[in-house]
All heavy atoms as atom14 arrays in JSON, in Angstrom:
{
  "sequence": "APEEVLTGQRYDFDVVLDQPLKDSVLAGGI",
  "atom14_mask": [
    [1, 1, 1, 1, 1, 0, 0, 0, 0, 0, 0, 0, 0, 0],
    [1, 1, 1, 1, 1, 1, 1, 0, 0, 0, 0, 0, 0, 0],
    [1, 1, 1, 1, 1, 1, 1, 1, 1, 0, 0, 0, 0, 0],
    [1, 1, 1, 1, 1, 1, 1, 1, 1, 0, 0, 0, 0, 0],
    [1, 1, 1, 1, 1, 1, 1, 0, 0, 0, 0, 0, 0, 0],
    [1, 1, 1, 1, 1, 1, 1, 1, 0, 0, 0, 0, 0, 0],
    [1, 1, 1, 1, 1, 1, 1, 0, 0, 0, 0, 0, 0, 0],
    [1, 1, 1, 1, 0, 0, 0, 0, 0, 0, 0, 0, 0, 0],
    [1, 1, 1, 1, 1, 1, 1, 1, 1, 0, 0, 0, 0, 0],
    [1, 1, 1, 1, 1, 1, 1, 1, 1, 1, 1, 0, 0, 0],
    [1, 1, 1, 1, 1, 1, 1, 1, 1, 1, 1, 1, 0, 0],
    [1, 1, 1, 1, 1, 1, 1, 1, 0, 0, 0, 0, 0, 0],
    [1, 1, 1, 1, 1, 1, 1, 1, 1, 1, 1, 0, 0, 0],
    [1, 1, 1, 1, 1, 1, 1, 1, 0, 0, 0, 0, 0, 0],
    [1, 1, 1, 1, 1, 1, 1, 0, 0, 0, 0, 0, 0, 0],
    [1, 1, 1, 1, 1, 1, 1, 0, 0, 0, 0, 0, 0, 0],
    [1, 1, 1, 1, 1, 1, 1, 1, 0, 0, 0, 0, 0, 0],
    [1, 1, 1, 1, 1, 1, 1, 1, 0, 0, 0, 0, 0, 0],
    [1, 1, 1, 1, 1, 1, 1, 1, 1, 0, 0, 0, 0, 0],
    [1, 1, 1, 1, 1, 1, 1, 0, 0, 0, 0, 0, 0, 0],
    [1, 1, 1, 1, 1, 1, 1, 1, 0, 0, 0, 0, 0, 0],
    [1, 1, 1, 1, 1, 1, 1, 1, 1, 0, 0, 0, 0, 0],
    [1, 1, 1, 1, 1, 1, 1, 1, 0, 0, 0, 0, 0, 0],
    [1, 1, 1, 1, 1, 1, 0, 0, 0, 0, 0, 0, 0, 0],
    [1, 1, 1, 1, 1, 1, 1, 0, 0, 0, 0, 0, 0, 0],
    [1, 1, 1, 1, 1, 1, 1, 1, 0, 0, 0, 0, 0, 0],
    [1, 1, 1, 1, 1, 0, 0, 0, 0, 0, 0, 0, 0, 0],
    [1, 1, 1, 1, 0, 0, 0, 0, 0, 0, 0, 0, 0, 0],
    [1, 1, 1, 1, 0, 0, 0, 0, 0, 0, 0, 0, 0, 0],
    [1, 1, 1, 1, 1, 1, 1, 1, 0, 0, 0, 0, 0, 0]
  ],
  "atom14_positions": [
    [[134.38, -35.02, 43.55], [133.51, -34.69, 42.43], [134.37, -34.54, 41.17], [135.52, -34.1, 41.26], [132.74, -33.4, 42.69], [0.0, 0.0, 0.0], [0.0, 0.0, 0.0], [0.0, 0.0, 0.0], [0.0, 0.0, 0.0], [0.0, 0.0, 0.0], [0.0, 0.0, 0.0], [0.0, 0.0, 0.0], [0.0, 0.0, 0.0], [0.0, 0.0, 0.0]],
    [[133.85, -34.88, 40.02], [134.63, -34.74, 38.79], [134.77, -33.28, 38.38], [133.91, -32.46, 38.69], [133.82, -35.54, 37.76], [132.41, -35.46, 38.27], [132.51, -35.45, 39.77], [0.0, 0.0, 0.0], [0.0, 0.0, 0.0], [0.0, 0.0, 0.0], [0.0, 0.0, 0.0], [0.0, 0.0, 0.0], [0.0, 0.0, 0.0], [0.0, 0.0, 0.0]],
    [[135.86, -32.96, 37.68], [136.0, -31.63, 37.11], [135.23, -31.52, 35.8], [134.82, -30.41, 35.42], [137.48, -31.31, 36.84], [138.31, -31.06, 38.09], [139.7, -30.56, 37.75], [140.06, -30.57, 36.55], [140.42, -30.16, 38.69], [0.0, 0.0, 0.0], [0.0, 0.0, 0.0], [0.0, 0.0, 0.0], [0.0, 0.0, 0.0], [0.0, 0.0, 0.0]],
    [[134.99, -32.67, 35.14], [134.36, -32.65, 33.82], [133.46, -33.87, 33.67], [133.84, -34.98, 34.06], [135.43, -32.64, 32.73], [134.91, -32.61, 31.31], [136.05, -32.62, 30.31], [136.65, -31.55, 30.1], [136.35, -33.69, 29.75], [0.0, 0.0, 0.0], [0.0, 0.0, 0.0], [0.0, 0.0, 0.0], [0.0, 0.0, 0.0], [0.0, 0.0, 0.0]],
    [[132.25, -33.65, 33.13], [131.32, -34.74, 32.86], [130.74, -34.55, 31.47], [130.8, -33.46, 30.89], [130.18, -34.79, 33.9], [130.73, -35.08, 35.29], [129.37, -33.5, 33.9], [0.0, 0.0, 0.0], [0.0, 0.0, 0.0], [0.0, 0.0, 0.0], [0.0, 0.0, 0.0], [0.0, 0.0, 0.0], [0.0, 0.0, 0.0], [0.0, 0.0, 0.0]],
    [[130.15, -35.61, 30.94], [129.48, -35.55, 29.64], [128.05, -35.04, 29.8], [127.44, -35.17, 30.87], [129.46, -36.93, 28.99], [130.81, -37.51, 28.59], [130.65, -38.96, 28.14], [131.46, -36.67, 27.49], [0.0, 0.0, 0.0], [0.0, 0.0, 0.0], [0.0, 0.0, 0.0], [0.0, 0.0, 0.0], [0.0, 0.0, 0.0], [0.0, 0.0, 0.0]],
    [[127.5, -34.47, 28.74], [126.11, -34.02, 28.77], [125.19, -35.18, 29.11], [125.34, -36.29, 28.59], [125.72, -33.43, 27.4], [126.03, -34.38, 26.38], [126.46, -32.14, 27.1], [0.0, 0.0, 0.0], [0.0, 0.0, 0.0], [0.0, 0.0, 0.0], [0.0, 0.0, 0.0], [0.0, 0.0, 0.0], [0.0, 0.0, 0.0], [0.0, 0.0, 0.0]],
    [[124.26, -34.94, 30.01], [123.31, -35.97, 30.4], [123.83, -37.0, 31.37], [123.07, -37.86, 31.83], [0.0, 0.0, 0.0], [0.0, 0.0, 0.0], [0.0, 0.0, 0.0], [0.0, 0.0, 0.0], [0.0, 0.0, 0.0], [0.0, 0.0, 0.0], [0.0, 0.0, 0.0], [0.0, 0.0, 0.0], [0.0, 0.0, 0.0], [0.0, 0.0, 0.0]],
    [[125.09, -36.95, 31.73], [125.69, -37.95, 32.62], [125.23, -37.74, 34.06], [125.06, -36.62, 34.52], [127.22, -37.86, 32.55], [127.97, -38.82, 33.46], [129.48, -38.64, 33.35], [129.99, -38.12, 32.37], [130.19, -39.08, 34.38], [0.0, 0.0, 0.0], [0.0, 0.0, 0.0], [0.0, 0.0, 0.0], [0.0, 0.0, 0.0], [0.0, 0.0, 0.0]],
    [[125.04, -38.83, 34.78], [124.8, -38.77, 36.23], [126.14, -38.91, 36.94], [126.95, -39.77, 36.59], [123.83, -39.87, 36.66], [122.43, -39.71, 36.09], [121.5, -40.8, 36.58], [121.23, -40.69, 38.0], [120.31, -39.89, 38.55], [119.59, -39.11, 37.77], [120.12, -39.86, 39.85], [0.0, 0.0, 0.0], [0.0, 0.0, 0.0], [0.0, 0.0, 0.0]],
    [[126.37, -38.05, 37.92], [127.64, -38.09, 38.63], [127.42, -37.79, 40.11], [126.41, -37.2, 40.51], [128.64, -37.1, 38.03], [128.25, -35.63, 38.13], [128.71, -34.83, 39.17], [127.45, -35.03, 37.16], [128.37, -33.48, 39.25], [127.11, -33.68, 37.23], [127.58, -32.92, 38.28], [127.24, -31.59, 38.36], [0.0, 0.0, 0.0], [0.0, 0.0, 0.0]],
    [[128.37, -38.22, 40.94], [128.3, -38.01, 42.38], [129.06, -36.75, 42.77], [130.15, -36.48, 42.25], [128.88, -39.2, 43.13], [128.05, -40.46, 42.97], [126.82, -40.34, 42.77], [128.62, -41.57, 43.01], [0.0, 0.0, 0.0], [0.0, 0.0, 0.0], [0.0, 0.0, 0.0], [0.0, 0.0, 0.0], [0.0, 0.0, 0.0], [0.0, 0.0, 0.0]],
    [[128.47, -35.99, 43.68], [129.1, -34.79, 44.23], [129.07, -34.93, 45.75], [128.01, -34.84, 46.37], [128.34, -33.54, 43.79], [129.06, -32.25, 44.08], [129.7, -31.56, 43.06], [129.12, -31.72, 45.36], [130.37, -30.37, 43.32], [129.78, -30.54, 45.63], [130.42, -29.87, 44.6], [0.0, 0.0, 0.0], [0.0, 0.0, 0.0], [0.0, 0.0, 0.0]],
    [[130.24, -35.19, 46.34], [130.33, -35.45, 47.78], [131.31, -34.47, 48.42], [132.38, -34.21, 47.87], [130.81, -36.88, 48.06], [129.95, -37.93, 47.39], [128.74, -37.67, 47.18], [130.47, -39.02, 47.08], [0.0, 0.0, 0.0], [0.0, 0.0, 0.0], [0.0, 0.0, 0.0], [0.0, 0.0, 0.0], [0.0, 0.0, 0.0], [0.0, 0.0, 0.0]],
    [[130.93, -33.95, 49.58], [131.82, -33.13, 50.41], [131.76, -33.71, 51.81], [130.7, -33.69, 52.45], [131.42, -31.65, 50.41], [132.37, -30.84, 51.29], [131.4, -31.09, 48.99], [0.0, 0.0, 0.0], [0.0, 0.0, 0.0], [0.0, 0.0, 0.0], [0.0, 0.0, 0.0], [0.0, 0.0, 0.0], [0.0, 0.0, 0.0], [0.0, 0.0, 0.0]],
    [[132.89, -34.24, 52.3], [132.87, -34.96, 53.58], [133.97, -34.44, 54.49], [135.04, -34.01, 54.03], [133.05, -36.48, 53.37], [131.88, -37.05, 52.59], [134.35, -36.78, 52.64], [0.0, 0.0, 0.0], [0.0, 0.0, 0.0], [0.0, 0.0, 0.0], [0.0, 0.0, 0.0], [0.0, 0.0, 0.0], [0.0, 0.0, 0.0], [0.0, 0.0, 0.0]],
    [[133.71, -34.47, 55.8], [134.73, -34.16, 56.79], [135.74, -35.29, 56.83], [135.38, -36.47, 56.82], [134.1, -33.97, 58.16], [133.27, -32.71, 58.4], [132.7, -32.73, 59.81], [134.09, -31.45, 58.17], [0.0, 0.0, 0.0], [0.0, 0.0, 0.0], [0.0, 0.0, 0.0], [0.0, 0.0, 0.0], [0.0, 0.0, 0.0], [0.0, 0.0, 0.0]],
    [[137.03, -34.95, 56.9], [138.07, -35.97, 56.91], [138.17, -36.7, 58.25], [138.64, -37.83, 58.31], [139.43, -35.35, 56.58], [139.49, -34.88, 55.14], [138.6, -35.24, 54.35], [140.43, -34.13, 54.79], [0.0, 0.0, 0.0], [0.0, 0.0, 0.0], [0.0, 0.0, 0.0], [0.0, 0.0, 0.0], [0.0, 0.0, 0.0], [0.0, 0.0, 0.0]],
    [[137.74, -36.05, 59.34], [137.81, -36.66, 60.67], [136.44, -37.21, 61.07], [135.4, -36.63, 60.72], [138.28, -35.65, 61.71], [139.67, -35.12, 61.47], [140.73, -36.21, 61.56], [140.63, -37.13, 62.37], [141.74, -36.13, 60.69], [0.0, 0.0, 0.0], [0.0, 0.0, 0.0], [0.0, 0.0, 0.0], [0.0, 0.0, 0.0], [0.0, 0.0, 0.0]],
    [[136.39, -38.31, 61.81], [135.1, -38.87, 62.25], [134.32, -37.89, 63.11], [134.9, -37.08, 63.84], [135.51, -40.11, 63.07], [136.91, -40.43, 62.62], [137.54, -39.13, 62.25], [0.0, 0.0, 0.0], [0.0, 0.0, 0.0], [0.0, 0.0, 0.0], [0.0, 0.0, 0.0], [0.0, 0.0, 0.0], [0.0, 0.0, 0.0], [0.0, 0.0, 0.0]],
    [[133.0, -37.95, 63.03], [132.15, -37.06, 63.81], [132.17, -37.38, 65.29], [132.04, -36.49, 66.13], [130.7, -37.15, 63.29], [130.38, -36.43, 61.99], [128.93, -36.68, 61.63], [130.64, -34.94, 62.12], [0.0, 0.0, 0.0], [0.0, 0.0, 0.0], [0.0, 0.0, 0.0], [0.0, 0.0, 0.0], [0.0, 0.0, 0.0], [0.0, 0.0, 0.0]],
    [[132.28, -38.67, 65.64], [132.16, -39.13, 67.04], [130.81, -38.68, 67.58], [129.78, -39.04, 67.04], [133.33, -38.61, 67.88], [134.68, -39.14, 67.41], [135.82, -38.65, 68.3], [137.15, -39.2, 67.82], [138.28, -38.73, 68.65], [0.0, 0.0, 0.0], [0.0, 0.0, 0.0], [0.0, 0.0, 0.0], [0.0, 0.0, 0.0], [0.0, 0.0, 0.0]],
    [[130.79, -37.88, 68.64], [129.52, -37.48, 69.24], [129.01, -36.13, 68.71], [127.98, -35.62, 69.18], [129.65, -37.4, 70.77], [129.96, -38.75, 71.39], [129.51, -39.76, 70.83], [130.67, -38.77, 72.43], [0.0, 0.0, 0.0], [0.0, 0.0, 0.0], [0.0, 0.0, 0.0], [0.0, 0.0, 0.0], [0.0, 0.0, 0.0], [0.0, 0.0, 0.0]],
    [[129.7, -35.56, 67.75], [129.31, -34.25, 67.23], [128.12, -34.38, 66.28], [127.89, -35.42, 65.67], [130.48, -33.6, 66.5], [131.58, -33.41, 67.36], [0.0, 0.0, 0.0], [0.0, 0.0, 0.0], [0.0, 0.0, 0.0], [0.0, 0.0, 0.0], [0.0, 0.0, 0.0], [0.0, 0.0, 0.0], [0.0, 0.0, 0.0], [0.0, 0.0, 0.0]],
    [[127.39, -33.29, 66.17], [126.26, -33.21, 65.24], [126.65, -32.28, 64.1], [127.12, -31.16, 64.33], [125.0, -32.7, 65.95], [123.85, -32.55, 64.95], [124.6, -33.64, 67.07], [0.0, 0.0, 0.0], [0.0, 0.0, 0.0], [0.0, 0.0, 0.0], [0.0, 0.0, 0.0], [0.0, 0.0, 0.0], [0.0, 0.0, 0.0], [0.0, 0.0, 0.0]],
    [[126.45, -32.73, 62.88], [126.79, -31.95, 61.69], [125.51, -31.57, 60.96], [124.62, -32.39, 60.77], [127.7, -32.78, 60.77], [128.24, -32.08, 59.52], [129.23, -30.99, 59.91], [128.92, -33.09, 58.59], [0.0, 0.0, 0.0], [0.0, 0.0, 0.0], [0.0, 0.0, 0.0], [0.0, 0.0, 0.0], [0.0, 0.0, 0.0], [0.0, 0.0, 0.0]],
    [[125.44, -30.3, 60.55], [124.33, -29.82, 59.73], [124.89, -29.27, 58.43], [126.05, -28.83, 58.37], [123.54, -28.75, 60.47], [0.0, 0.0, 0.0], [0.0, 0.0, 0.0], [0.0, 0.0, 0.0], [0.0, 0.0, 0.0], [0.0, 0.0, 0.0], [0.0, 0.0, 0.0], [0.0, 0.0, 0.0], [0.0, 0.0, 0.0], [0.0, 0.0, 0.0]],
    [[124.09, -29.3, 57.39], [124.59, -28.78, 56.11], [123.55, -28.83, 55.03], [122.42, -29.28, 55.21], [0.0, 0.0, 0.0], [0.0, 0.0, 0.0], [0.0, 0.0, 0.0], [0.0, 0.0, 0.0], [0.0, 0.0, 0.0], [0.0, 0.0, 0.0], [0.0, 0.0, 0.0], [0.0, 0.0, 0.0], [0.0, 0.0, 0.0], [0.0, 0.0, 0.0]],
    [[123.96, -28.35, 53.86], [123.08, -28.36, 52.69], [123.88, -28.04, 51.45], [125.05, -27.66, 51.5], [0.0, 0.0, 0.0], [0.0, 0.0, 0.0], [0.0, 0.0, 0.0], [0.0, 0.0, 0.0], [0.0, 0.0, 0.0], [0.0, 0.0, 0.0], [0.0, 0.0, 0.0], [0.0, 0.0, 0.0], [0.0, 0.0, 0.0], [0.0, 0.0, 0.0]],
    [[123.23, -28.21, 50.3], [123.88, -27.98, 49.01], [122.9, -27.24, 48.1], [121.68, -27.45, 48.18], [124.33, -29.31, 48.36], [125.06, -29.06, 47.04], [123.15, -30.27, 48.17], [125.72, -30.31, 46.47], [0.0, 0.0, 0.0], [0.0, 0.0, 0.0], [0.0, 0.0, 0.0], [0.0, 0.0, 0.0], [0.0, 0.0, 0.0], [0.0, 0.0, 0.0]]
  ]
}
């Protein structure tokens, strides 16, 4: 995610696990 954006700008905010999930189930929210 960026540290700084312009007013009105659309930006992506992603938080991802560095290791593959394989057979695990992940739950979450923001």
